[in-house]
């Protein structure tokens, strides 16, 4: 699916946002339906660690927010979505630019809605690989995302009307 003007502008916003910009990574694509996001993490002076490979903090920070945001965009305002936990496994030092692709399938969204129709909350696990241009896996990140139904807003208190109880 192509990027829309809206997701293209949001991609630029991510890349300028100080929290994400500091990771050294760049968002290269956001599908118009928020079901796919691609990022690129180069080896540069900003991402290089003491031994000359990509810093582990940059590896994780580059991929941290996206599954949560994708779920928020696709499930809508009736759901609360939070990052709950993450595990990072470093398989091979990053000496060249690394890439990651986030996918969110409609079946996953339907499964979350189905579970939340019966239970108050659910935790979902997503695995993501940071790979080089040859497809070699350098880092595996497992994210656990918490999702629950948003409680309905309480009715606002009624103003007292003079002469009425």
C-alpha atoms as a PDB file:
ATOM      1  CA  UNK A   1       0.000   0.000   0.000  1.00  0.00           C
ATOM      2  CA  UNK A   2       1.226   3.497  -0.766  1.00  0.00           C
ATOM      3  CA  UNK A   3       1.928   6.282   1.665  1.00  0.00           C
ATOM      4  CA  UNK A   4      -0.778   8.910   1.869  1.00  0.00           C
ATOM      5  CA  UNK A   5      -0.002  12.600   2.176  1.00  0.00           C
ATOM      6  CA  UNK A   6      -1.020  12.344   5.843  1.00  0.00           C
ATOM      7  CA  UNK A   7       1.332   9.437   6.653  1.00  0.00           C
ATOM      8  CA  UNK A   8       4.133  11.053   4.649  1.00  0.00           C
ATOM      9  CA  UNK A   9       3.814  14.216   6.763  1.00  0.00           C
ATOM     10  CA  UNK A  10       3.738  12.093   9.939  1.00  0.00           C
ATOM     11  CA  UNK A  11       6.851  10.237   8.733  1.00  0.00           C
ATOM     12  CA  UNK A  12       8.636  13.587   8.381  1.00  0.00           C
ATOM     13  CA  UNK A  13       7.378  14.498  11.838  1.00  0.00           C
ATOM     14  CA  UNK A  14       8.821  11.312  13.341  1.00  0.00           C
ATOM     15  CA  UNK A  15      12.163  12.013  11.721  1.00  0.00           C
ATOM     16  CA  UNK A  16      12.212  15.551  13.136  1.00  0.00           C
ATOM     17  CA  UNK A  17      10.810  14.668  16.593  1.00  0.00           C
ATOM     18  CA  UNK A  18      13.746  14.997  19.043  1.00  0.00           C
ATOM     19  CA  UNK A  19      12.983  11.740  20.892  1.00  0.00           C
ATOM     20  CA  UNK A  20      13.115   9.688  17.707  1.00  0.00           C
ATOM     21  CA  UNK A  21      15.741  11.765  15.925  1.00  0.00           C
ATOM     22  CA  UNK A  22      18.105  11.058  18.819  1.00  0.00           C
ATOM     23  CA  UNK A  23      18.062   7.336  18.034  1.00  0.00           C
ATOM     24  CA  UNK A  24      19.877   7.990  14.751  1.00  0.00           C
ATOM     25  CA  UNK A  25      17.229   5.983  12.885  1.00  0.00           C
ATOM     26  CA  UNK A  26      14.891   7.247  10.191  1.00  0.00           C
ATOM     27  CA  UNK A  27      11.370   6.178   9.318  1.00  0.00           C
ATOM     28  CA  UNK A  28      11.405   5.508   5.568  1.00  0.00           C
ATOM     29  CA  UNK A  29       7.775   4.477   4.983  1.00  0.00           C
ATOM     30  CA  UNK A  30       4.376   4.479   6.715  1.00  0.00           C
ATOM     31  CA  UNK A  31       1.488   2.802   4.870  1.00  0.00           C
ATOM     32  CA  UNK A  32      -1.640   4.896   4.599  1.00  0.00           C
ATOM     33  CA  UNK A  33      -3.529   2.308   6.712  1.00  0.00           C
ATOM     34  CA  UNK A  34      -0.762   2.128   9.367  1.00  0.00           C
ATOM     35  CA  UNK A  35      -0.330  -1.628   8.771  1.00  0.00           C
ATOM     36  CA  UNK A  36       3.311  -1.368   7.623  1.00  0.00           C
ATOM     37  CA  UNK A  37       6.195   0.825   8.746  1.00  0.00           C
ATOM     38  CA  UNK A  38       9.818   0.641   7.605  1.00  0.00           C
ATOM     39  CA  UNK A  39      12.834   2.093   9.358  1.00  0.00           C
ATOM     40  CA  UNK A  40      16.540   2.405   8.562  1.00  0.00           C
ATOM     41  CA  UNK A  41      19.318   2.619  11.154  1.00  0.00           C
ATOM     42  CA  UNK A  42      22.712   3.609   9.727  1.00  0.00           C
ATOM     43  CA  UNK A  43      26.100   3.201  11.360  1.00  0.00           C
ATOM     44  CA  UNK A  44      27.167   6.812  11.897  1.00  0.00           C
ATOM     45  CA  UNK A  45      28.917   8.979  14.457  1.00  0.00           C
ATOM     46  CA  UNK A  46      25.558   9.272  16.222  1.00  0.00           C
ATOM     47  CA  UNK A  47      24.892   5.524  16.464  1.00  0.00           C
ATOM     48  CA  UNK A  48      28.445   4.161  16.816  1.00  0.00           C
ATOM     49  CA  UNK A  49      29.452   2.658  20.159  1.00  0.00           C
ATOM     50  CA  UNK A  50      32.907   2.353  21.731  1.00  0.00           C
ATOM     51  CA  UNK A  51      33.902  -0.651  19.580  1.00  0.00           C
ATOM     52  CA  UNK A  52      32.676   0.842  16.295  1.00  0.00           C
ATOM     53  CA  UNK A  53      29.381  -1.002  15.843  1.00  0.00           C
ATOM     54  CA  UNK A  54      25.786   0.207  16.211  1.00  0.00           C
ATOM     55  CA  UNK A  55      25.003   1.066  19.832  1.00  0.00           C
ATOM     56  CA  UNK A  56      22.523  -1.331  21.474  1.00  0.00           C
ATOM     57  CA  UNK A  57      20.429   1.563  22.770  1.00  0.00           C
ATOM     58  CA  UNK A  58      20.014   2.858  19.221  1.00  0.00           C
ATOM     59  CA  UNK A  59      19.039  -0.618  18.025  1.00  0.00           C
ATOM     60  CA  UNK A  60      16.189  -0.822  20.519  1.00  0.00           C
ATOM     61  CA  UNK A  61      15.132   2.838  20.474  1.00  0.00           C
ATOM     62  CA  UNK A  62      14.844   2.754  16.675  1.00  0.00           C
ATOM     63  CA  UNK A  63      12.057   0.154  16.875  1.00  0.00           C
ATOM     64  CA  UNK A  64      10.500   0.936  20.263  1.00  0.00           C
ATOM     65  CA  UNK A  65       7.304   2.915  19.551  1.00  0.00           C
ATOM     66  CA  UNK A  66       5.928   1.472  16.353  1.00  0.00           C
ATOM     67  CA  UNK A  67       3.822  -1.557  17.243  1.00  0.00           C
ATOM     68  CA  UNK A  68       2.095   0.475  19.956  1.00  0.00           C
ATOM     69  CA  UNK A  69       1.378   3.331  17.530  1.00  0.00           C
ATOM     70  CA  UNK A  70       0.233   0.979  14.766  1.00  0.00           C
ATOM     71  CA  UNK A  71      -2.239  -0.675  17.145  1.00  0.00           C
ATOM     72  CA  UNK A  72      -3.489   2.696  18.401  1.00  0.00           C
ATOM     73  CA  UNK A  73      -4.084   3.918  14.848  1.00  0.00           C
ATOM     74  CA  UNK A  74      -5.828   0.706  13.751  1.00  0.00           C
ATOM     75  CA  UNK A  75      -7.931  -0.040  16.842  1.00  0.00           C
ATOM     76  CA  UNK A  76      -9.053   3.541  17.391  1.00  0.00           C
ATOM     77  CA  UNK A  77      -9.947   5.592  20.452  1.00  0.00           C
ATOM     78  CA  UNK A  78     -12.081   2.901  22.113  1.00  0.00           C
ATOM     79  CA  UNK A  79      -8.917   1.000  23.093  1.00  0.00           C
ATOM     80  CA  UNK A  80      -6.018   1.696  25.456  1.00  0.00           C
ATOM     81  CA  UNK A  81      -2.652   0.518  24.116  1.00  0.00           C
ATOM     82  CA  UNK A  82       0.610   0.472  26.095  1.00  0.00           C
ATOM     83  CA  UNK A  83       4.084  -0.988  25.721  1.00  0.00           C
ATOM     84  CA  UNK A  84       4.494  -3.486  28.525  1.00  0.00           C
ATOM     85  CA  UNK A  85       7.843  -5.226  28.033  1.00  0.00           C
ATOM     86  CA  UNK A  86      10.608  -5.879  25.554  1.00  0.00           C
ATOM     87  CA  UNK A  87      13.430  -8.332  25.083  1.00  0.00           C
ATOM     88  CA  UNK A  88      16.389  -7.515  22.862  1.00  0.00           C
ATOM     89  CA  UNK A  89      18.671 -10.265  21.574  1.00  0.00           C
ATOM     90  CA  UNK A  90      21.873  -9.111  19.903  1.00  0.00           C
ATOM     91  CA  UNK A  91      22.882 -11.747  17.343  1.00  0.00           C
ATOM     92  CA  UNK A  92      25.576  -9.990  15.341  1.00  0.00           C
ATOM     93  CA  UNK A  93      27.239  -6.562  15.608  1.00  0.00           C
ATOM     94  CA  UNK A  94      25.818  -3.946  13.236  1.00  0.00           C
ATOM     95  CA  UNK A  95      28.601  -2.667  10.984  1.00  0.00           C
ATOM     96  CA  UNK A  96      26.387  -1.608   8.071  1.00  0.00           C
ATOM     97  CA  UNK A  97      22.956   0.089   7.906  1.00  0.00           C
ATOM     98  CA  UNK A  98      20.178  -2.051   9.350  1.00  0.00           C
ATOM     99  CA  UNK A  99      16.508  -2.128   8.365  1.00  0.00           C
ATOM    100  CA  UNK A 100      13.283  -3.276  10.020  1.00  0.00           C
ATOM    101  CA  UNK A 101       9.780  -3.753   8.658  1.00  0.00           C
ATOM    102  CA  UNK A 102       6.753  -3.747  10.980  1.00  0.00           C
ATOM    103  CA  UNK A 103       3.627  -5.577   9.769  1.00  0.00           C
ATOM    104  CA  UNK A 104       0.188  -5.688  11.331  1.00  0.00           C
ATOM    105  CA  UNK A 105      -2.351  -8.033   9.763  1.00  0.00           C
ATOM    106  CA  UNK A 106      -6.131  -7.595   9.810  1.00  0.00           C
ATOM    107  CA  UNK A 107      -6.431 -11.067  11.394  1.00  0.00           C
ATOM    108  CA  UNK A 108      -4.394  -9.830  14.365  1.00  0.00           C
ATOM    109  CA  UNK A 109      -6.687  -6.830  14.824  1.00  0.00           C
ATOM    110  CA  UNK A 110      -9.774  -9.066  14.629  1.00  0.00           C
ATOM    111  CA  UNK A 111      -8.249 -11.440  17.196  1.00  0.00           C
ATOM    112  CA  UNK A 112      -7.582  -8.564  19.624  1.00  0.00           C
ATOM    113  CA  UNK A 113     -11.161  -7.308  19.239  1.00  0.00           C
ATOM    114  CA  UNK A 114     -12.540 -10.834  19.705  1.00  0.00           C
ATOM    115  CA  UNK A 115     -10.526 -11.411  22.902  1.00  0.00           C
ATOM    116  CA  UNK A 116     -11.467  -8.008  24.316  1.00  0.00           C
ATOM    117  CA  UNK A 117     -15.151  -8.707  23.724  1.00  0.00           C
ATOM    118  CA  UNK A 118     -14.807 -11.509  26.305  1.00  0.00           C
ATOM    119  CA  UNK A 119     -11.960 -10.294  28.573  1.00  0.00           C
ATOM    120  CA  UNK A 120     -11.030  -6.869  29.985  1.00  0.00           C
ATOM    121  CA  UNK A 121      -7.454  -6.886  28.700  1.00  0.00           C
ATOM    122  CA  UNK A 122      -4.943  -8.775  26.597  1.00  0.00           C
ATOM    123  CA  UNK A 123      -1.183  -8.800  26.117  1.00  0.00           C
ATOM    124  CA  UNK A 124       0.102  -9.463  22.590  1.00  0.00           C
ATOM    125  CA  UNK A 125       3.641 -10.369  21.559  1.00  0.00           C
ATOM    126  CA  UNK A 126       5.365  -9.121  18.402  1.00  0.00           C
ATOM    127  CA  UNK A 127       8.794 -10.096  17.097  1.00  0.00           C
ATOM    128  CA  UNK A 128      10.845  -7.841  14.883  1.00  0.00           C
ATOM    129  CA  UNK A 129      14.220  -8.374  13.223  1.00  0.00           C
ATOM    130  CA  UNK A 130      16.792  -5.716  12.416  1.00  0.00           C
ATOM    131  CA  UNK A 131      18.551  -6.988   9.302  1.00  0.00           C
ATOM    132  CA  UNK A 132      21.263  -5.833   6.918  1.00  0.00           C
ATOM    133  CA  UNK A 133      20.813  -5.514   3.159  1.00  0.00           C
ATOM    134  CA  UNK A 134      21.520  -9.244   2.711  1.00  0.00           C
ATOM    135  CA  UNK A 135      18.766 -10.191   5.150  1.00  0.00           C
ATOM    136  CA  UNK A 136      21.182 -11.278   7.892  1.00  0.00           C
ATOM    137  CA  UNK A 137      19.561 -10.856  11.294  1.00  0.00           C
ATOM    138  CA  UNK A 138      21.590  -8.669  13.646  1.00  0.00           C
ATOM    139  CA  UNK A 139      19.042  -8.014  16.398  1.00  0.00           C
ATOM    140  CA  UNK A 140      15.764  -9.635  17.411  1.00  0.00           C
ATOM    141  CA  UNK A 141      13.322  -7.540  19.437  1.00  0.00           C
ATOM    142  CA  UNK A 142      10.298  -9.100  21.138  1.00  0.00           C
ATOM    143  CA  UNK A 143       7.682  -6.562  22.244  1.00  0.00           C
ATOM    144  CA  UNK A 144       4.753  -7.220  24.551  1.00  0.00           C
ATOM    145  CA  UNK A 145       1.915  -4.760  24.032  1.00  0.00           C
ATOM    146  CA  UNK A 146      -0.979  -4.406  26.480  1.00  0.00           C
ATOM    147  CA  UNK A 147      -4.435  -3.646  25.025  1.00  0.00           C
ATOM    148  CA  UNK A 148      -7.695  -3.037  26.866  1.00  0.00           C
ATOM    149  CA  UNK A 149     -11.073  -1.502  26.144  1.00  0.00           C
ATOM    150  CA  UNK A 150     -11.349   2.123  27.191  1.00  0.00           C
ATOM    151  CA  UNK A 151     -13.879   2.595  29.975  1.00  0.00           C
ATOM    152  CA  UNK A 152     -16.898   4.606  28.863  1.00  0.00           C
ATOM    153  CA  UNK A 153     -16.788   8.199  30.015  1.00  0.00           C
ATOM    154  CA  UNK A 154     -18.900   8.828  33.079  1.00  0.00           C
ATOM    155  CA  UNK A 155     -21.887  11.086  32.648  1.00  0.00           C
ATOM    156  CA  UNK A 156     -21.019  14.603  33.782  1.00  0.00           C
ATOM    157  CA  UNK A 157     -22.690  15.635  37.001  1.00  0.00           C
ATOM    158  CA  UNK A 158     -25.958  17.453  36.472  1.00  0.00           C
ATOM    159  CA  UNK A 159     -25.996  21.092  37.498  1.00  0.00           C
ATOM    160  CA  UNK A 160     -28.375  21.897  40.288  1.00  0.00           C
ATOM    161  CA  UNK A 161     -31.482  23.663  39.072  1.00  0.00           C
ATOM    162  CA  UNK A 162     -33.031  26.095  41.594  1.00  0.00           C
ATOM    163  CA  UNK A 163     -36.301  24.802  42.967  1.00  0.00           C
ATOM    164  CA  UNK A 164     -35.610  21.171  41.882  1.00  0.00           C
ATOM    165  CA  UNK A 165     -34.235  18.370  43.989  1.00  0.00           C
END
